[in-house]
Amino acid sequence: VHAFHGRVYEDLATPPLIVPLKVLRG
C-alpha cells in the first residue's frame, strides 16, 4: 500500500502537491 501527502490549491493553475510518504508491506 502506498501512502502520500497531497494538497490541492485554491489557485487551480497551481499544480497539486503529491509527496510519497510510506510504502506499507505486510
mmCIF file of all heavy atoms, coordinates in Angstrom:
data_MODEL
# 
_entry.id   MODEL 
# 
loop_
_atom_site.group_PDB 
_atom_site.id 
_atom_site.type_symbol 
_atom_site.label_atom_id 
_atom_site.label_alt_id 
_atom_site.label_comp_id 
_atom_site.label_asym_id 
_atom_site.label_entity_id 
_atom_site.label_seq_id 
_atom_site.pdbx_PDB_ins_code 
_atom_site.Cartn_x 
_atom_site.Cartn_y 
_atom_site.Cartn_z 
_atom_site.occupancy 
_atom_site.B_iso_or_equiv 
_atom_site.pdbx_formal_charge 
_atom_site.auth_seq_id 
_atom_site.auth_comp_id 
_atom_site.auth_asym_id 
_atom_site.auth_atom_id 
_atom_site.pdbx_PDB_model_num 
ATOM 1   N N   . VAL A 1 1  ? 0.871   -1.175 0.000   1.00 0.00 ? 1  VAL A N   1 
ATOM 2   C CA  . VAL A 1 1  ? 0.000   0.000  0.000   1.00 0.00 ? 1  VAL A CA  1 
ATOM 3   C C   . VAL A 1 1  ? 0.903   1.219  0.000   1.00 0.00 ? 1  VAL A C   1 
ATOM 4   O O   . VAL A 1 1  ? 1.852   1.300  0.785   1.00 0.00 ? 1  VAL A O   1 
ATOM 5   C CB  . VAL A 1 1  ? -0.905  0.023  1.246   1.00 0.00 ? 1  VAL A CB  1 
ATOM 6   C CG1 . VAL A 1 1  ? -1.725  1.303  1.293   1.00 0.00 ? 1  VAL A CG1 1 
ATOM 7   C CG2 . VAL A 1 1  ? -1.824  -1.185 1.263   1.00 0.00 ? 1  VAL A CG2 1 
ATOM 8   N N   . HIS A 1 2  ? 0.623   2.169  -0.877  1.00 0.00 ? 2  HIS A N   1 
ATOM 9   C CA  . HIS A 1 2  ? 1.423   3.384  -0.980  1.00 0.00 ? 2  HIS A CA  1 
ATOM 10  C C   . HIS A 1 2  ? 0.648   4.549  -0.375  1.00 0.00 ? 2  HIS A C   1 
ATOM 11  O O   . HIS A 1 2  ? -0.502  4.797  -0.747  1.00 0.00 ? 2  HIS A O   1 
ATOM 12  C CB  . HIS A 1 2  ? 1.774   3.676  -2.436  1.00 0.00 ? 2  HIS A CB  1 
ATOM 13  C CG  . HIS A 1 2  ? 2.651   2.641  -3.060  1.00 0.00 ? 2  HIS A CG  1 
ATOM 14  N ND1 . HIS A 1 2  ? 3.999   2.826  -3.249  1.00 0.00 ? 2  HIS A ND1 1 
ATOM 15  C CD2 . HIS A 1 2  ? 2.370   1.388  -3.493  1.00 0.00 ? 2  HIS A CD2 1 
ATOM 16  C CE1 . HIS A 1 2  ? 4.523   1.748  -3.790  1.00 0.00 ? 2  HIS A CE1 1 
ATOM 17  N NE2 . HIS A 1 2  ? 3.555   0.855  -3.958  1.00 0.00 ? 2  HIS A NE2 1 
ATOM 18  N N   . ALA A 1 3  ? 1.261   5.251  0.554   1.00 0.00 ? 3  ALA A N   1 
ATOM 19  C CA  . ALA A 1 3  ? 0.633   6.404  1.206   1.00 0.00 ? 3  ALA A CA  1 
ATOM 20  C C   . ALA A 1 3  ? 1.320   7.683  0.749   1.00 0.00 ? 3  ALA A C   1 
ATOM 21  O O   . ALA A 1 3  ? 2.554   7.732  0.611   1.00 0.00 ? 3  ALA A O   1 
ATOM 22  C CB  . ALA A 1 3  ? 0.730   6.274  2.719   1.00 0.00 ? 3  ALA A CB  1 
ATOM 23  N N   . PHE A 1 4  ? 0.522   8.726  0.509   1.00 0.00 ? 4  PHE A N   1 
ATOM 24  C CA  . PHE A 1 4  ? 1.029   10.003 0.028   1.00 0.00 ? 4  PHE A CA  1 
ATOM 25  C C   . PHE A 1 4  ? 0.439   11.143 0.848   1.00 0.00 ? 4  PHE A C   1 
ATOM 26  O O   . PHE A 1 4  ? -0.661  11.039 1.374   1.00 0.00 ? 4  PHE A O   1 
ATOM 27  C CB  . PHE A 1 4  ? 0.633   10.236 -1.440  1.00 0.00 ? 4  PHE A CB  1 
ATOM 28  C CG  . PHE A 1 4  ? 1.040   9.146  -2.387  1.00 0.00 ? 4  PHE A CG  1 
ATOM 29  C CD1 . PHE A 1 4  ? 0.221   8.045  -2.570  1.00 0.00 ? 4  PHE A CD1 1 
ATOM 30  C CD2 . PHE A 1 4  ? 2.218   9.224  -3.100  1.00 0.00 ? 4  PHE A CD2 1 
ATOM 31  C CE1 . PHE A 1 4  ? 0.579   7.034  -3.448  1.00 0.00 ? 4  PHE A CE1 1 
ATOM 32  C CE2 . PHE A 1 4  ? 2.586   8.232  -3.974  1.00 0.00 ? 4  PHE A CE2 1 
ATOM 33  C CZ  . PHE A 1 4  ? 1.769   7.127  -4.157  1.00 0.00 ? 4  PHE A CZ  1 
ATOM 34  N N   . HIS A 1 5  ? 1.169   12.238 0.944   1.00 0.00 ? 5  HIS A N   1 
ATOM 35  C CA  . HIS A 1 5  ? 0.598   13.517 1.350   1.00 0.00 ? 5  HIS A CA  1 
ATOM 36  C C   . HIS A 1 5  ? 0.212   14.255 0.081   1.00 0.00 ? 5  HIS A C   1 
ATOM 37  O O   . HIS A 1 5  ? 0.998   14.325 -0.870  1.00 0.00 ? 5  HIS A O   1 
ATOM 38  C CB  . HIS A 1 5  ? 1.614   14.351 2.137   1.00 0.00 ? 5  HIS A CB  1 
ATOM 39  C CG  . HIS A 1 5  ? 1.614   14.050 3.605   1.00 0.00 ? 5  HIS A CG  1 
ATOM 40  N ND1 . HIS A 1 5  ? 0.466   13.943 4.340   1.00 0.00 ? 5  HIS A ND1 1 
ATOM 41  C CD2 . HIS A 1 5  ? 2.650   13.840 4.466   1.00 0.00 ? 5  HIS A CD2 1 
ATOM 42  C CE1 . HIS A 1 5  ? 0.773   13.673 5.595   1.00 0.00 ? 5  HIS A CE1 1 
ATOM 43  N NE2 . HIS A 1 5  ? 2.085   13.593 5.703   1.00 0.00 ? 5  HIS A NE2 1 
ATOM 44  N N   . GLY A 1 6  ? -0.990  14.812 0.070   1.00 0.00 ? 6  GLY A N   1 
ATOM 45  C CA  . GLY A 1 6  ? -1.428  15.551 -1.099  1.00 0.00 ? 6  GLY A CA  1 
ATOM 46  C C   . GLY A 1 6  ? -2.069  16.866 -0.715  1.00 0.00 ? 6  GLY A C   1 
ATOM 47  O O   . GLY A 1 6  ? -2.593  17.017 0.393   1.00 0.00 ? 6  GLY A O   1 
ATOM 48  N N   . ARG A 1 7  ? -2.008  17.815 -1.616  1.00 0.00 ? 7  ARG A N   1 
ATOM 49  C CA  . ARG A 1 7  ? -2.636  19.120 -1.370  1.00 0.00 ? 7  ARG A CA  1 
ATOM 50  C C   . ARG A 1 7  ? -3.074  19.729 -2.693  1.00 0.00 ? 7  ARG A C   1 
ATOM 51  O O   . ARG A 1 7  ? -2.310  19.735 -3.667  1.00 0.00 ? 7  ARG A O   1 
ATOM 52  C CB  . ARG A 1 7  ? -1.666  20.059 -0.662  1.00 0.00 ? 7  ARG A CB  1 
ATOM 53  C CG  . ARG A 1 7  ? -2.294  21.375 -0.225  1.00 0.00 ? 7  ARG A CG  1 
ATOM 54  C CD  . ARG A 1 7  ? -1.369  22.158 0.688   1.00 0.00 ? 7  ARG A CD  1 
ATOM 55  N NE  . ARG A 1 7  ? -2.008  23.321 1.246   1.00 0.00 ? 7  ARG A NE  1 
ATOM 56  C CZ  . ARG A 1 7  ? -1.441  24.148 2.124   1.00 0.00 ? 7  ARG A CZ  1 
ATOM 57  N NH1 . ARG A 1 7  ? -0.202  23.903 2.539   1.00 0.00 ? 7  ARG A NH1 1 
ATOM 58  N NH2 . ARG A 1 7  ? -2.087  25.184 2.595   1.00 0.00 ? 7  ARG A NH2 1 
ATOM 59  N N   . VAL A 1 8  ? -4.325  20.203 -2.710  1.00 0.00 ? 8  VAL A N   1 
ATOM 60  C CA  . VAL A 1 8  ? -4.852  20.900 -3.873  1.00 0.00 ? 8  VAL A CA  1 
ATOM 61  C C   . VAL A 1 8  ? -5.018  22.369 -3.500  1.00 0.00 ? 8  VAL A C   1 
ATOM 62  O O   . VAL A 1 8  ? -5.639  22.684 -2.471  1.00 0.00 ? 8  VAL A O   1 
ATOM 63  C CB  . VAL A 1 8  ? -6.203  20.303 -4.321  1.00 0.00 ? 8  VAL A CB  1 
ATOM 64  C CG1 . VAL A 1 8  ? -6.771  21.092 -5.490  1.00 0.00 ? 8  VAL A CG1 1 
ATOM 65  C CG2 . VAL A 1 8  ? -6.032  18.830 -4.690  1.00 0.00 ? 8  VAL A CG2 1 
ATOM 66  N N   . TYR A 1 9  ? -4.497  23.247 -4.305  1.00 0.00 ? 9  TYR A N   1 
ATOM 67  C CA  . TYR A 1 9  ? -4.505  24.678 -4.008  1.00 0.00 ? 9  TYR A CA  1 
ATOM 68  C C   . TYR A 1 9  ? -5.739  25.360 -4.584  1.00 0.00 ? 9  TYR A C   1 
ATOM 69  O O   . TYR A 1 9  ? -6.322  24.889 -5.569  1.00 0.00 ? 9  TYR A O   1 
ATOM 70  C CB  . TYR A 1 9  ? -3.238  25.335 -4.576  1.00 0.00 ? 9  TYR A CB  1 
ATOM 71  C CG  . TYR A 1 9  ? -1.971  24.777 -3.972  1.00 0.00 ? 9  TYR A CG  1 
ATOM 72  C CD1 . TYR A 1 9  ? -1.270  23.745 -4.596  1.00 0.00 ? 9  TYR A CD1 1 
ATOM 73  C CD2 . TYR A 1 9  ? -1.477  25.262 -2.759  1.00 0.00 ? 9  TYR A CD2 1 
ATOM 74  C CE1 . TYR A 1 9  ? -0.109  23.228 -4.039  1.00 0.00 ? 9  TYR A CE1 1 
ATOM 75  C CE2 . TYR A 1 9  ? -0.318  24.747 -2.196  1.00 0.00 ? 9  TYR A CE2 1 
ATOM 76  C CZ  . TYR A 1 9  ? 0.354   23.732 -2.843  1.00 0.00 ? 9  TYR A CZ  1 
ATOM 77  O OH  . TYR A 1 9  ? 1.497   23.210 -2.292  1.00 0.00 ? 9  TYR A OH  1 
ATOM 78  N N   . GLU A 1 10 ? -6.152  26.473 -3.943  1.00 0.00 ? 10 GLU A N   1 
ATOM 79  C CA  . GLU A 1 10 ? -7.315  27.221 -4.425  1.00 0.00 ? 10 GLU A CA  1 
ATOM 80  C C   . GLU A 1 10 ? -7.076  27.752 -5.826  1.00 0.00 ? 10 GLU A C   1 
ATOM 81  O O   . GLU A 1 10 ? -8.000  27.824 -6.638  1.00 0.00 ? 10 GLU A O   1 
ATOM 82  C CB  . GLU A 1 10 ? -7.631  28.365 -3.456  1.00 0.00 ? 10 GLU A CB  1 
ATOM 83  C CG  . GLU A 1 10 ? -8.133  27.895 -2.093  1.00 0.00 ? 10 GLU A CG  1 
ATOM 84  C CD  . GLU A 1 10 ? -8.526  29.053 -1.215  1.00 0.00 ? 10 GLU A CD  1 
ATOM 85  O OE1 . GLU A 1 10 ? -8.505  30.206 -1.713  1.00 0.00 ? 10 GLU A OE1 1 
ATOM 86  O OE2 . GLU A 1 10 ? -8.867  28.819 -0.036  1.00 0.00 ? 10 GLU A OE2 1 
ATOM 87  N N   . ASP A 1 11 ? -5.836  28.139 -6.093  1.00 0.00 ? 11 ASP A N   1 
ATOM 88  C CA  . ASP A 1 11 ? -5.477  28.583 -7.439  1.00 0.00 ? 11 ASP A CA  1 
ATOM 89  C C   . ASP A 1 11 ? -5.305  27.340 -8.313  1.00 0.00 ? 11 ASP A C   1 
ATOM 90  O O   . ASP A 1 11 ? -4.318  26.612 -8.196  1.00 0.00 ? 11 ASP A O   1 
ATOM 91  C CB  . ASP A 1 11 ? -4.178  29.388 -7.403  1.00 0.00 ? 11 ASP A CB  1 
ATOM 92  C CG  . ASP A 1 11 ? -3.765  29.897 -8.776  1.00 0.00 ? 11 ASP A CG  1 
ATOM 93  O OD1 . ASP A 1 11 ? -4.503  29.646 -9.751  1.00 0.00 ? 11 ASP A OD1 1 
ATOM 94  O OD2 . ASP A 1 11 ? -2.693  30.536 -8.872  1.00 0.00 ? 11 ASP A OD2 1 
ATOM 95  N N   . LEU A 1 12 ? -6.286  27.073 -9.154  1.00 0.00 ? 12 LEU A N   1 
ATOM 96  C CA  . LEU A 1 12 ? -6.267  25.847 -9.938  1.00 0.00 ? 12 LEU A CA  1 
ATOM 97  C C   . LEU A 1 12 ? -5.128  25.813 -10.948 1.00 0.00 ? 12 LEU A C   1 
ATOM 98  O O   . LEU A 1 12 ? -4.831  24.755 -11.514 1.00 0.00 ? 12 LEU A O   1 
ATOM 99  C CB  . LEU A 1 12 ? -7.608  25.666 -10.652 1.00 0.00 ? 12 LEU A CB  1 
ATOM 100 C CG  . LEU A 1 12 ? -8.826  25.512 -9.722  1.00 0.00 ? 12 LEU A CG  1 
ATOM 101 C CD1 . LEU A 1 12 ? -10.094 25.302 -10.536 1.00 0.00 ? 12 LEU A CD1 1 
ATOM 102 C CD2 . LEU A 1 12 ? -8.615  24.367 -8.749  1.00 0.00 ? 12 LEU A CD2 1 
ATOM 103 N N   . ALA A 1 13 ? -4.496  26.955 -11.172 1.00 0.00 ? 13 ALA A N   1 
ATOM 104 C CA  . ALA A 1 13 ? -3.342  26.971 -12.078 1.00 0.00 ? 13 ALA A CA  1 
ATOM 105 C C   . ALA A 1 13 ? -2.099  26.407 -11.413 1.00 0.00 ? 13 ALA A C   1 
ATOM 106 O O   . ALA A 1 13 ? -1.124  26.079 -12.089 1.00 0.00 ? 13 ALA A O   1 
ATOM 107 C CB  . ALA A 1 13 ? -3.073  28.398 -12.562 1.00 0.00 ? 13 ALA A CB  1 
ATOM 108 N N   . THR A 1 14 ? -2.137  26.295 -10.085 1.00 0.00 ? 14 THR A N   1 
ATOM 109 C CA  . THR A 1 14 ? -1.009  25.729 -9.356  1.00 0.00 ? 14 THR A CA  1 
ATOM 110 C C   . THR A 1 14 ? -1.140  24.216 -9.331  1.00 0.00 ? 14 THR A C   1 
ATOM 111 O O   . THR A 1 14 ? -2.171  23.688 -8.883  1.00 0.00 ? 14 THR A O   1 
ATOM 112 C CB  . THR A 1 14 ? -0.973  26.256 -7.910  1.00 0.00 ? 14 THR A CB  1 
ATOM 113 O OG1 . THR A 1 14 ? -0.901  27.690 -7.940  1.00 0.00 ? 14 THR A OG1 1 
ATOM 114 C CG2 . THR A 1 14 ? 0.228   25.698 -7.161  1.00 0.00 ? 14 THR A CG2 1 
ATOM 115 N N   . PRO A 1 15 ? -0.140  23.499 -9.790  1.00 0.00 ? 15 PRO A N   1 
ATOM 116 C CA  . PRO A 1 15 ? -0.230  22.037 -9.799  1.00 0.00 ? 15 PRO A CA  1 
ATOM 117 C C   . PRO A 1 15 ? -0.409  21.481 -8.384  1.00 0.00 ? 15 PRO A C   1 
ATOM 118 O O   . PRO A 1 15 ? 0.156   22.001 -7.425  1.00 0.00 ? 15 PRO A O   1 
ATOM 119 C CB  . PRO A 1 15 ? 1.121   21.595 -10.394 1.00 0.00 ? 15 PRO A CB  1 
ATOM 120 C CG  . PRO A 1 15 ? 1.612   22.789 -11.139 1.00 0.00 ? 15 PRO A CG  1 
ATOM 121 C CD  . PRO A 1 15 ? 1.116   23.983 -10.377 1.00 0.00 ? 15 PRO A CD  1 
ATOM 122 N N   . PRO A 1 16 ? -1.213  20.440 -8.210  1.00 0.00 ? 16 PRO A N   1 
ATOM 123 C CA  . PRO A 1 16 ? -1.382  19.840 -6.881  1.00 0.00 ? 16 PRO A CA  1 
ATOM 124 C C   . PRO A 1 16 ? -0.068  19.242 -6.393  1.00 0.00 ? 16 PRO A C   1 
ATOM 125 O O   . PRO A 1 16 ? 0.787   18.844 -7.183  1.00 0.00 ? 16 PRO A O   1 
ATOM 126 C CB  . PRO A 1 16 ? -2.436  18.760 -7.111  1.00 0.00 ? 16 PRO A CB  1 
ATOM 127 C CG  . PRO A 1 16 ? -2.344  18.447 -8.572  1.00 0.00 ? 16 PRO A CG  1 
ATOM 128 C CD  . PRO A 1 16 ? -1.984  19.732 -9.242  1.00 0.00 ? 16 PRO A CD  1 
ATOM 129 N N   . LEU A 1 17 ? 0.071   19.192 -5.076  1.00 0.00 ? 17 LEU A N   1 
ATOM 130 C CA  . LEU A 1 17 ? 1.268   18.647 -4.447  1.00 0.00 ? 17 LEU A CA  1 
ATOM 131 C C   . LEU A 1 17 ? 1.009   17.206 -4.015  1.00 0.00 ? 17 LEU A C   1 
ATOM 132 O O   . LEU A 1 17 ? 0.054   16.940 -3.289  1.00 0.00 ? 17 LEU A O   1 
ATOM 133 C CB  . LEU A 1 17 ? 1.662   19.487 -3.227  1.00 0.00 ? 17 LEU A CB  1 
ATOM 134 C CG  . LEU A 1 17 ? 2.861   19.003 -2.412  1.00 0.00 ? 17 LEU A CG  1 
ATOM 135 C CD1 . LEU A 1 17 ? 4.138   19.146 -3.227  1.00 0.00 ? 17 LEU A CD1 1 
ATOM 136 C CD2 . LEU A 1 17 ? 2.968   19.775 -1.100  1.00 0.00 ? 17 LEU A CD2 1 
ATOM 137 N N   . ILE A 1 18 ? 1.817   16.284 -4.479  1.00 0.00 ? 18 ILE A N   1 
ATOM 138 C CA  . ILE A 1 18 ? 1.715   14.883 -4.085  1.00 0.00 ? 18 ILE A CA  1 
ATOM 139 C C   . ILE A 1 18 ? 3.102   14.406 -3.682  1.00 0.00 ? 18 ILE A C   1 
ATOM 140 O O   . ILE A 1 18 ? 4.023   14.402 -4.498  1.00 0.00 ? 18 ILE A O   1 
ATOM 141 C CB  . ILE A 1 18 ? 1.155   14.005 -5.213  1.00 0.00 ? 18 ILE A CB  1 
ATOM 142 C CG1 . ILE A 1 18 ? -0.229  14.496 -5.638  1.00 0.00 ? 18 ILE A CG1 1 
ATOM 143 C CG2 . ILE A 1 18 ? 1.093   12.539 -4.771  1.00 0.00 ? 18 ILE A CG2 1 
ATOM 144 C CD1 . ILE A 1 18 ? -0.827  13.727 -6.793  1.00 0.00 ? 18 ILE A CD1 1 
ATOM 145 N N   . VAL A 1 19 ? 3.233   14.040 -2.406  1.00 0.00 ? 19 VAL A N   1 
ATOM 146 C CA  . VAL A 1 19 ? 4.535   13.637 -1.872  1.00 0.00 ? 19 VAL A CA  1 
ATOM 147 C C   . VAL A 1 19 ? 4.441   12.207 -1.336  1.00 0.00 ? 19 VAL A C   1 
ATOM 148 O O   . VAL A 1 19 ? 3.618   11.930 -0.460  1.00 0.00 ? 19 VAL A O   1 
ATOM 149 C CB  . VAL A 1 19 ? 4.988   14.584 -0.743  1.00 0.00 ? 19 VAL A CB  1 
ATOM 150 C CG1 . VAL A 1 19 ? 6.343   14.148 -0.193  1.00 0.00 ? 19 VAL A CG1 1 
ATOM 151 C CG2 . VAL A 1 19 ? 5.041   16.024 -1.242  1.00 0.00 ? 19 VAL A CG2 1 
ATOM 152 N N   . PRO A 1 20 ? 5.248   11.278 -1.831  1.00 0.00 ? 20 PRO A N   1 
ATOM 153 C CA  . PRO A 1 20 ? 5.241   9.920  -1.274  1.00 0.00 ? 20 PRO A CA  1 
ATOM 154 C C   . PRO A 1 20 ? 5.593   9.939  0.208   1.00 0.00 ? 20 PRO A C   1 
ATOM 155 O O   . PRO A 1 20 ? 6.510   10.637 0.637   1.00 0.00 ? 20 PRO A O   1 
ATOM 156 C CB  . PRO A 1 20 ? 6.320   9.194  -2.089  1.00 0.00 ? 20 PRO A CB  1 
ATOM 157 C CG  . PRO A 1 20 ? 6.437   9.987  -3.347  1.00 0.00 ? 20 PRO A CG  1 
ATOM 158 C CD  . PRO A 1 20 ? 6.180   11.415 -2.952  1.00 0.00 ? 20 PRO A CD  1 
ATOM 159 N N   . LEU A 1 21 ? 4.831   9.170  1.002   1.00 0.00 ? 21 LEU A N   1 
ATOM 160 C CA  . LEU A 1 21 ? 5.012   9.166  2.441   1.00 0.00 ? 21 LEU A CA  1 
ATOM 161 C C   . LEU A 1 21 ? 5.545   7.832  2.946   1.00 0.00 ? 21 LEU A C   1 
ATOM 162 O O   . LEU A 1 21 ? 6.599   7.767  3.574   1.00 0.00 ? 21 LEU A O   1 
ATOM 163 C CB  . LEU A 1 21 ? 3.679   9.491  3.126   1.00 0.00 ? 21 LEU A CB  1 
ATOM 164 C CG  . LEU A 1 21 ? 3.646   9.489  4.650   1.00 0.00 ? 21 LEU A CG  1 
ATOM 165 C CD1 . LEU A 1 21 ? 4.555   10.559 5.208   1.00 0.00 ? 21 LEU A CD1 1 
ATOM 166 C CD2 . LEU A 1 21 ? 2.217   9.674  5.148   1.00 0.00 ? 21 LEU A CD2 1 
ATOM 167 N N   . LYS A 1 22 ? 4.809   6.756  2.684   1.00 0.00 ? 22 LYS A N   1 
ATOM 168 C CA  . LYS A 1 22 ? 5.198   5.443  3.179   1.00 0.00 ? 22 LYS A CA  1 
ATOM 169 C C   . LYS A 1 22 ? 4.826   4.384  2.143   1.00 0.00 ? 22 LYS A C   1 
ATOM 170 O O   . LYS A 1 22 ? 3.900   4.556  1.357   1.00 0.00 ? 22 LYS A O   1 
ATOM 171 C CB  . LYS A 1 22 ? 4.462   5.089  4.487   1.00 0.00 ? 22 LYS A CB  1 
ATOM 172 C CG  . LYS A 1 22 ? 4.660   6.076  5.637   1.00 0.00 ? 22 LYS A CG  1 
ATOM 173 C CD  . LYS A 1 22 ? 5.953   5.843  6.368   1.00 0.00 ? 22 LYS A CD  1 
ATOM 174 C CE  . LYS A 1 22 ? 6.032   6.760  7.594   1.00 0.00 ? 22 LYS A CE  1 
ATOM 175 N NZ  . LYS A 1 22 ? 7.324   6.614  8.290   1.00 0.00 ? 22 LYS A NZ  1 
ATOM 176 N N   . VAL A 1 23 ? 5.545   3.284  2.183   1.00 0.00 ? 23 VAL A N   1 
ATOM 177 C CA  . VAL A 1 23 ? 5.133   2.069  1.488   1.00 0.00 ? 23 VAL A CA  1 
ATOM 178 C C   . VAL A 1 23 ? 4.898   1.021  2.573   1.00 0.00 ? 23 VAL A C   1 
ATOM 179 O O   . VAL A 1 23 ? 5.810   0.671  3.319   1.00 0.00 ? 23 VAL A O   1 
ATOM 180 C CB  . VAL A 1 23 ? 6.183   1.585  0.484   1.00 0.00 ? 23 VAL A CB  1 
ATOM 181 C CG1 . VAL A 1 23 ? 5.723   0.285  -0.174  1.00 0.00 ? 23 VAL A CG1 1 
ATOM 182 C CG2 . VAL A 1 23 ? 6.440   2.648  -0.574  1.00 0.00 ? 23 VAL A CG2 1 
ATOM 183 N N   . LEU A 1 24 ? 3.665   0.550  2.677   1.00 0.00 ? 24 LEU A N   1 
ATOM 184 C CA  . LEU A 1 24 ? 3.270   -0.374 3.728   1.00 0.00 ? 24 LEU A CA  1 
ATOM 185 C C   . LEU A 1 24 ? 3.305   -1.801 3.183   1.00 0.00 ? 24 LEU A C   1 
ATOM 186 O O   . LEU A 1 24 ? 2.658   -2.109 2.179   1.00 0.00 ? 24 LEU A O   1 
ATOM 187 C CB  . LEU A 1 24 ? 1.866   -0.035 4.229   1.00 0.00 ? 24 LEU A CB  1 
ATOM 188 C CG  . LEU A 1 24 ? 1.630   1.437  4.583   1.00 0.00 ? 24 LEU A CG  1 
ATOM 189 C CD1 . LEU A 1 24 ? 0.178   1.661  4.988   1.00 0.00 ? 24 LEU A CD1 1 
ATOM 190 C CD2 . LEU A 1 24 ? 2.572   1.892  5.687   1.00 0.00 ? 24 LEU A CD2 1 
ATOM 191 N N   . ARG A 1 25 ? 4.072   -2.652 3.845   1.00 0.00 ? 25 ARG A N   1 
ATOM 192 C CA  . ARG A 1 25 ? 4.240   -4.023 3.375   1.00 0.00 ? 25 ARG A CA  1 
ATOM 193 C C   . ARG A 1 25 ? 3.803   -4.990 4.464   1.00 0.00 ? 25 ARG A C   1 
ATOM 194 O O   . ARG A 1 25 ? 4.146   -4.818 5.619   1.00 0.00 ? 25 ARG A O   1 
ATOM 195 C CB  . ARG A 1 25 ? 5.705   -4.284 3.010   1.00 0.00 ? 25 ARG A CB  1 
ATOM 196 C CG  . ARG A 1 25 ? 6.289   -3.268 2.031   1.00 0.00 ? 25 ARG A CG  1 
ATOM 197 C CD  . ARG A 1 25 ? 7.759   -3.543 1.746   1.00 0.00 ? 25 ARG A CD  1 
ATOM 198 N NE  . ARG A 1 25 ? 8.375   -2.474 0.983   1.00 0.00 ? 25 ARG A NE  1 
ATOM 199 C CZ  . ARG A 1 25 ? 8.341   -2.390 -0.335  1.00 0.00 ? 25 ARG A CZ  1 
ATOM 200 N NH1 . ARG A 1 25 ? 7.734   -3.348 -1.041  1.00 0.00 ? 25 ARG A NH1 1 
ATOM 201 N NH2 . ARG A 1 25 ? 8.915   -1.379 -0.967  1.00 0.00 ? 25 ARG A NH2 1 
ATOM 202 N N   . GLY A 1 26 ? 3.068   -6.014 4.085   1.00 0.00 ? 26 GLY A N   1 
ATOM 203 C CA  . GLY A 1 26 ? 2.632   -6.997 5.058   1.00 0.00 ? 26 GLY A CA  1 
ATOM 204 C C   . GLY A 1 26 ? 1.607   -7.973 4.518   1.00 0.00 ? 26 GLY A C   1 
ATOM 205 O O   . GLY A 1 26 ? 1.554   -9.123 4.933   1.00 0.00 ? 26 GLY A O   1 
# 
